[in-house]
Structures are given as structure tokens and as C-alpha cells.
Amino acid sequence: MIRIDIDWEQPEVPEYDPEIHNPEKVFAFLCYRGVHYAKWVYLNVFMEGPTWFLNNPRKDDTTTNS
């Protein structure tokens, strides 16, 4: 009979470093409709404004016939 002994210790977690743990760009493995690919992905691009609401650029336009 084969006996296997495994001693597993929990790994040490490194201290939080914002430069390492909050990157601006990451390399991601993605899948879309069964096609797998890898590419660089930029994070925090879409939340530059305060809200998700869209603004009407013609709201104060006086040249339209409304």
C-alpha cells in the first residue's frame, strides 16, 4: 500500500503595496463566444466622471427648431 503524507502550510501574504496591487494596466486572459485570447487591459478607464448618466450636448443649443 502506498502512503502519501502532505504537509501544507498557509503561504505568507505580502503587505499591501498600492503600486503593485492596484495596477493601471494588466495582462488578461479573456474568452468571448468560445474564442480565447490574451491582451493588455486598462483598468479604471470608465469611471473618470462623477456619474454614469449621459448628458445631452444639444440641451442649451438655440439653433435647433424646438
PDB file of N, CA and C in Angstrom:
ATOM      1  N   MET A   1       0.828  -1.175   0.000  1.00  0.00           N
ATOM      2  CA  MET A   1       0.000   0.000   0.000  1.00  0.00           C
ATOM      3  C   MET A   1       0.883   1.253   0.000  1.00  0.00           C
ATOM      4  N   ILE A   2       0.489   2.230  -0.807  1.00  0.00           N
ATOM      5  CA  ILE A   2       1.247   3.477  -0.893  1.00  0.00           C
ATOM      6  C   ILE A   2       0.657   4.488   0.074  1.00  0.00           C
ATOM      7  N   ARG A   3       1.522   5.100   0.834  1.00  0.00           N
ATOM      8  CA  ARG A   3       1.074   6.133   1.771  1.00  0.00           C
ATOM      9  C   ARG A   3       1.744   7.451   1.402  1.00  0.00           C
ATOM     10  N   ILE A   4       0.939   8.486   1.236  1.00  0.00           N
ATOM     11  CA  ILE A   4       1.459   9.805   0.878  1.00  0.00           C
ATOM     12  C   ILE A   4       1.117  10.778   1.992  1.00  0.00           C
ATOM     13  N   ASP A   5       2.138  11.404   2.546  1.00  0.00           N
ATOM     14  CA  ASP A   5       1.944  12.413   3.586  1.00  0.00           C
ATOM     15  C   ASP A   5       2.183  13.793   2.972  1.00  0.00           C
ATOM     16  N   ILE A   6       1.205  14.653   3.132  1.00  0.00           N
ATOM     17  CA  ILE A   6       1.330  16.011   2.604  1.00  0.00           C
ATOM     18  C   ILE A   6       1.226  16.992   3.767  1.00  0.00           C
ATOM     19  N   ASP A   7       2.254  17.771   3.944  1.00  0.00           N
ATOM     20  CA  ASP A   7       2.237  18.833   4.957  1.00  0.00           C
ATOM     21  C   ASP A   7       2.091  20.156   4.227  1.00  0.00           C
ATOM     22  N   TRP A   8       0.965  20.824   4.436  1.00  0.00           N
ATOM     23  CA  TRP A   8       0.694  22.072   3.728  1.00  0.00           C
ATOM     24  C   TRP A   8       0.607  23.203   4.735  1.00  0.00           C
ATOM     25  N   GLU A   9       1.406  24.221   4.512  1.00  0.00           N
ATOM     26  CA  GLU A   9       1.362  25.409   5.351  1.00  0.00           C
ATOM     27  C   GLU A   9       0.785  26.553   4.538  1.00  0.00           C
ATOM     28  N   GLN A  10      -0.003  27.377   5.212  1.00  0.00           N
ATOM     29  CA  GLN A  10      -0.598  28.517   4.522  1.00  0.00           C
ATOM     30  C   GLN A  10       0.511  29.501   4.143  1.00  0.00           C
ATOM     31  N   PRO A  11       0.513  29.976   2.880  1.00  0.00           N
ATOM     32  CA  PRO A  11       1.581  30.888   2.454  1.00  0.00           C
ATOM     33  C   PRO A  11       1.459  32.255   3.139  1.00  0.00           C
ATOM     34  N   GLU A  12       2.586  32.923   3.230  1.00  0.00           N
ATOM     35  CA  GLU A  12       2.591  34.259   3.820  1.00  0.00           C
ATOM     36  C   GLU A  12       2.008  35.258   2.830  1.00  0.00           C
ATOM     37  N   VAL A  13       1.144  36.116   3.321  1.00  0.00           N
ATOM     38  CA  VAL A  13       0.522  37.131   2.478  1.00  0.00           C
ATOM     39  C   VAL A  13       1.380  38.387   2.553  1.00  0.00           C
ATOM     40  N   PRO A  14       1.779  38.941   1.397  1.00  0.00           N
ATOM     41  CA  PRO A  14       2.624  40.147   1.435  1.00  0.00           C
ATOM     42  C   PRO A  14       1.827  41.372   1.875  1.00  0.00           C
ATOM     43  N   GLU A  15       2.525  42.362   2.344  1.00  0.00           N
ATOM     44  CA  GLU A  15       1.900  43.627   2.730  1.00  0.00           C
ATOM     45  C   GLU A  15       1.321  44.311   1.501  1.00  0.00           C
ATOM     46  N   TYR A  16       0.255  45.076   1.704  1.00  0.00           N
ATOM     47  CA  TYR A  16      -0.398  45.772   0.596  1.00  0.00           C
ATOM     48  C   TYR A  16       0.488  46.915   0.099  1.00  0.00           C
ATOM     49  N   ASP A  17       0.779  46.897  -1.188  1.00  0.00           N
ATOM     50  CA  ASP A  17       1.544  47.955  -1.838  1.00  0.00           C
ATOM     51  C   ASP A  17       0.697  48.478  -2.991  1.00  0.00           C
ATOM     52  N   PRO A  18       0.183  49.727  -2.936  1.00  0.00           N
ATOM     53  CA  PRO A  18      -0.705  50.215  -3.982  1.00  0.00           C
ATOM     54  C   PRO A  18      -0.076  50.223  -5.366  1.00  0.00           C
ATOM     55  N   GLU A  19       1.218  50.335  -5.454  1.00  0.00           N
ATOM     56  CA  GLU A  19       1.876  50.343  -6.760  1.00  0.00           C
ATOM     57  C   GLU A  19       1.823  48.961  -7.414  1.00  0.00           C
ATOM     58  N   ILE A  20       1.884  47.914  -6.614  1.00  0.00           N
ATOM     59  CA  ILE A  20       1.868  46.555  -7.135  1.00  0.00           C
ATOM     60  C   ILE A  20       0.445  46.003  -7.205  1.00  0.00           C
ATOM     61  N   HIS A  21      -0.355  46.217  -6.172  1.00  0.00           N
ATOM     62  CA  HIS A  21      -1.659  45.583  -6.058  1.00  0.00           C
ATOM     63  C   HIS A  21      -2.799  46.378  -6.681  1.00  0.00           C
ATOM     64  N   ASN A  22      -2.560  47.563  -7.165  1.00  0.00           N
ATOM     65  CA  ASN A  22      -3.590  48.357  -7.833  1.00  0.00           C
ATOM     66  C   ASN A  22      -3.008  48.887  -9.141  1.00  0.00           C
ATOM     67  N   PRO A  23      -2.730  48.000 -10.097  1.00  0.00           N
ATOM     68  CA  PRO A  23      -2.075  48.446 -11.324  1.00  0.00           C
ATOM     69  C   PRO A  23      -3.038  49.169 -12.258  1.00  0.00           C
ATOM     70  N   GLU A  24      -2.477  49.977 -13.134  1.00  0.00           N
ATOM     71  CA  GLU A  24      -3.273  50.685 -14.132  1.00  0.00           C
ATOM     72  C   GLU A  24      -3.542  49.796 -15.340  1.00  0.00           C
ATOM     73  N   LYS A  25      -2.611  48.883 -15.629  1.00  0.00           N
ATOM     74  CA  LYS A  25      -2.729  48.012 -16.794  1.00  0.00           C
ATOM     75  C   LYS A  25      -2.361  46.590 -16.380  1.00  0.00           C
ATOM     76  N   VAL A  26      -3.175  45.602 -16.826  1.00  0.00           N
ATOM     77  CA  VAL A  26      -2.905  44.200 -16.512  1.00  0.00           C
ATOM     78  C   VAL A  26      -2.991  43.374 -17.785  1.00  0.00           C
ATOM     79  N   PHE A  27      -2.358  42.219 -17.784  1.00  0.00           N
ATOM     80  CA  PHE A  27      -2.428  41.280 -18.891  1.00  0.00           C
ATOM     81  C   PHE A  27      -3.512  40.277 -18.550  1.00  0.00           C
ATOM     82  N   ALA A  28      -4.562  40.189 -19.364  1.00  0.00           N
ATOM     83  CA  ALA A  28      -5.726  39.375 -19.037  1.00  0.00           C
ATOM     84  C   ALA A  28      -5.950  38.292 -20.084  1.00  0.00           C
ATOM     85  N   PHE A  29      -6.413  37.135 -19.617  1.00  0.00           N
ATOM     86  CA  PHE A  29      -6.831  36.052 -20.485  1.00  0.00           C
ATOM     87  C   PHE A  29      -8.353  36.113 -20.570  1.00  0.00           C
ATOM     88  N   LEU A  30      -8.891  36.311 -21.763  1.00  0.00           N
ATOM     89  CA  LEU A  30     -10.312  36.541 -21.951  1.00  0.00           C
ATOM     90  C   LEU A  30     -10.920  35.487 -22.860  1.00  0.00           C
ATOM     91  N   CYS A  31     -12.251  35.362 -22.803  1.00  0.00           N
ATOM     92  CA  CYS A  31     -12.988  34.448 -23.660  1.00  0.00           C
ATOM     93  C   CYS A  31     -14.260  35.147 -24.108  1.00  0.00           C
ATOM     94  N   TYR A  32     -14.516  35.178 -25.403  1.00  0.00           N
ATOM     95  CA  TYR A  32     -15.738  35.754 -25.941  1.00  0.00           C
ATOM     96  C   TYR A  32     -16.299  34.811 -26.986  1.00  0.00           C
ATOM     97  N   ARG A  33     -17.474  34.260 -26.711  1.00  0.00           N
ATOM     98  CA  ARG A  33     -18.156  33.319 -27.596  1.00  0.00           C
ATOM     99  C   ARG A  33     -17.265  32.142 -27.999  1.00  0.00           C
ATOM    100  N   GLY A  34     -16.558  31.612 -27.035  1.00  0.00           N
ATOM    101  CA  GLY A  34     -15.743  30.434 -27.274  1.00  0.00           C
ATOM    102  C   GLY A  34     -14.364  30.705 -27.824  1.00  0.00           C
ATOM    103  N   VAL A  35     -14.030  31.956 -28.102  1.00  0.00           N
ATOM    104  CA  VAL A  35     -12.706  32.308 -28.614  1.00  0.00           C
ATOM    105  C   VAL A  35     -11.876  32.825 -27.446  1.00  0.00           C
ATOM    106  N   HIS A  36     -10.757  32.181 -27.174  1.00  0.00           N
ATOM    107  CA  HIS A  36      -9.881  32.576 -26.084  1.00  0.00           C
ATOM    108  C   HIS A  36      -8.751  33.428 -26.627  1.00  0.00           C
ATOM    109  N   TYR A  37      -8.434  34.491 -25.907  1.00  0.00           N
ATOM    110  CA  TYR A  37      -7.328  35.346 -26.316  1.00  0.00           C
ATOM    111  C   TYR A  37      -6.777  36.069 -25.103  1.00  0.00           C
ATOM    112  N   ALA A  38      -5.619  36.656 -25.255  1.00  0.00           N
ATOM    113  CA  ALA A  38      -4.960  37.389 -24.173  1.00  0.00           C
ATOM    114  C   ALA A  38      -4.584  38.766 -24.688  1.00  0.00           C
ATOM    115  N   LYS A  39      -4.713  39.765 -23.823  1.00  0.00           N
ATOM    116  CA  LYS A  39      -4.373  41.131 -24.223  1.00  0.00           C
ATOM    117  C   LYS A  39      -4.149  41.989 -22.992  1.00  0.00           C
ATOM    118  N   TRP A  40      -3.551  43.148 -23.190  1.00  0.00           N
ATOM    119  CA  TRP A  40      -3.393  44.128 -22.125  1.00  0.00           C
ATOM    120  C   TRP A  40      -4.721  44.835 -21.918  1.00  0.00           C
ATOM    121  N   VAL A  41      -5.130  44.999 -20.671  1.00  0.00           N
ATOM    122  CA  VAL A  41      -6.399  45.624 -20.322  1.00  0.00           C
ATOM    123  C   VAL A  41      -6.109  46.791 -19.388  1.00  0.00           C
ATOM    124  N   TYR A  42      -6.657  47.956 -19.714  1.00  0.00           N
ATOM    125  CA  TYR A  42      -6.523  49.132 -18.859  1.00  0.00           C
ATOM    126  C   TYR A  42      -7.678  49.165 -17.863  1.00  0.00           C
ATOM    127  N   LEU A  43      -7.373  49.367 -16.597  1.00  0.00           N
ATOM    128  CA  LEU A  43      -8.379  49.412 -15.550  1.00  0.00           C
ATOM    129  C   LEU A  43      -8.709  50.862 -15.210  1.00  0.00           C
ATOM    130  N   ASN A  44      -9.881  51.090 -14.620  1.00  0.00           N
ATOM    131  CA  ASN A  44     -10.322  52.410 -14.152  1.00  0.00           C
ATOM    132  C   ASN A  44     -10.373  53.437 -15.274  1.00  0.00           C
ATOM    133  N   VAL A  45     -10.856  53.056 -16.426  1.00  0.00           N
ATOM    134  CA  VAL A  45     -10.942  53.972 -17.558  1.00  0.00           C
ATOM    135  C   VAL A  45     -12.298  54.666 -17.591  1.00  0.00           C
ATOM    136  N   PHE A  46     -13.360  53.930 -17.280  1.00  0.00           N
ATOM    137  CA  PHE A  46     -14.703  54.437 -17.484  1.00  0.00           C
ATOM    138  C   PHE A  46     -15.228  55.299 -16.343  1.00  0.00           C
ATOM    139  N   MET A  47     -14.682  55.236 -15.180  1.00  0.00           N
ATOM    140  CA  MET A  47     -15.217  55.978 -14.044  1.00  0.00           C
ATOM    141  C   MET A  47     -14.468  57.290 -13.806  1.00  0.00           C
ATOM    142  N   GLU A  48     -14.145  58.006 -14.845  1.00  0.00           N
ATOM    143  CA  GLU A  48     -13.473  59.292 -14.683  1.00  0.00           C
ATOM    144  C   GLU A  48     -14.447  60.382 -14.273  1.00  0.00           C
ATOM    145  N   GLY A  49     -15.719  60.272 -14.667  1.00  0.00           N
ATOM    146  CA  GLY A  49     -16.732  61.249 -14.308  1.00  0.00           C
ATOM    147  C   GLY A  49     -17.423  60.875 -13.015  1.00  0.00           C
ATOM    148  N   PRO A  50     -18.232  61.781 -12.464  1.00  0.00           N
ATOM    149  CA  PRO A  50     -18.881  61.501 -11.188  1.00  0.00           C
ATOM    150  C   PRO A  50     -20.065  60.536 -11.299  1.00  0.00           C
ATOM    151  N   THR A  51     -20.729  60.436 -12.478  1.00  0.00           N
ATOM    152  CA  THR A  51     -21.899  59.578 -12.585  1.00  0.00           C
ATOM    153  C   THR A  51     -21.882  58.824 -13.909  1.00  0.00           C
ATOM    154  N   TRP A  52     -22.831  57.883 -14.043  1.00  0.00           N
ATOM    155  CA  TRP A  52     -22.994  57.117 -15.269  1.00  0.00           C
ATOM    156  C   TRP A  52     -24.003  57.761 -16.199  1.00  0.00           C
ATOM    157  N   PHE A  53     -24.666  58.849 -15.772  1.00  0.00           N
ATOM    158  CA  PHE A  53     -25.689  59.480 -16.587  1.00  0.00           C
ATOM    159  C   PHE A  53     -25.095  60.135 -17.827  1.00  0.00           C
ATOM    160  N   LEU A  54     -25.831  60.082 -18.925  1.00  0.00           N
ATOM    161  CA  LEU A  54     -25.393  60.708 -20.165  1.00  0.00           C
ATOM    162  C   LEU A  54     -25.912  62.140 -20.217  1.00  0.00           C
ATOM    163  N   ASN A  55     -25.127  63.010 -20.784  1.00  0.00           N
ATOM    164  CA  ASN A  55     -25.531  64.406 -20.925  1.00  0.00           C
ATOM    165  C   ASN A  55     -25.961  64.676 -22.356  1.00  0.00           C
ATOM    166  N   ASN A  56     -26.977  65.524 -22.519  1.00  0.00           N
ATOM    167  CA  ASN A  56     -27.452  65.907 -23.833  1.00  0.00           C
ATOM    168  C   ASN A  56     -26.650  67.125 -24.287  1.00  0.00           C
ATOM    169  N   PRO A  57     -25.817  67.000 -25.336  1.00  0.00           N
ATOM    170  CA  PRO A  57     -24.996  68.149 -25.755  1.00  0.00           C
ATOM    171  C   PRO A  57     -25.831  69.250 -26.408  1.00  0.00           C
ATOM    172  N   ARG A  58     -27.052  68.953 -26.846  1.00  0.00           N
ATOM    173  CA  ARG A  58     -27.886  69.948 -27.504  1.00  0.00           C
ATOM    174  C   ARG A  58     -28.920  70.573 -26.569  1.00  0.00           C
ATOM    175  N   LYS A  59     -28.813  70.351 -25.290  1.00  0.00           N
ATOM    176  CA  LYS A  59     -29.803  70.839 -24.343  1.00  0.00           C
ATOM    177  C   LYS A  59     -29.905  72.365 -24.370  1.00  0.00           C
ATOM    178  N   ASP A  60     -28.806  73.065 -24.412  1.00  0.00           N
ATOM    179  CA  ASP A  60     -28.804  74.530 -24.409  1.00  0.00           C
ATOM    180  C   ASP A  60     -28.557  75.106 -25.785  1.00  0.00           C
ATOM    181  N   ASP A  61     -28.698  74.301 -26.840  1.00  0.00           N
ATOM    182  CA  ASP A  61     -28.465  74.775 -28.207  1.00  0.00           C
ATOM    183  C   ASP A  61     -29.692  75.559 -28.690  1.00  0.00           C
ATOM    184  N   THR A  62     -29.503  76.809 -29.078  1.00  0.00           N
ATOM    185  CA  THR A  62     -30.621  77.652 -29.517  1.00  0.00           C
ATOM    186  C   THR A  62     -30.821  77.620 -31.032  1.00  0.00           C
ATOM    187  N   THR A  63     -29.977  76.880 -31.764  1.00  0.00           N
ATOM    188  CA  THR A  63     -30.100  76.854 -33.226  1.00  0.00           C
ATOM    189  C   THR A  63     -31.068  75.780 -33.715  1.00  0.00           C
ATOM    190  N   THR A  64     -31.564  74.915 -32.841  1.00  0.00           N
ATOM    191  CA  THR A  64     -32.497  73.867 -33.264  1.00  0.00           C
ATOM    192  C   THR A  64     -33.916  74.394 -33.250  1.00  0.00           C
ATOM    193  N   ASN A  65     -34.811  73.779 -33.984  1.00  0.00           N
ATOM    194  CA  ASN A  65     -36.204  74.203 -34.072  1.00  0.00           C
ATOM    195  C   ASN A  65     -37.063  73.445 -33.058  1.00  0.00           C
ATOM    196  N   SER A  66     -36.873  73.696 -31.811  1.00  0.00           N
ATOM    197  CA  SER A  66     -37.704  73.017 -30.813  1.00  0.00           C
ATOM    198  C   SER A  66     -38.451  73.995 -29.951  1.00  0.00           C
TER     199      SER A  66
END
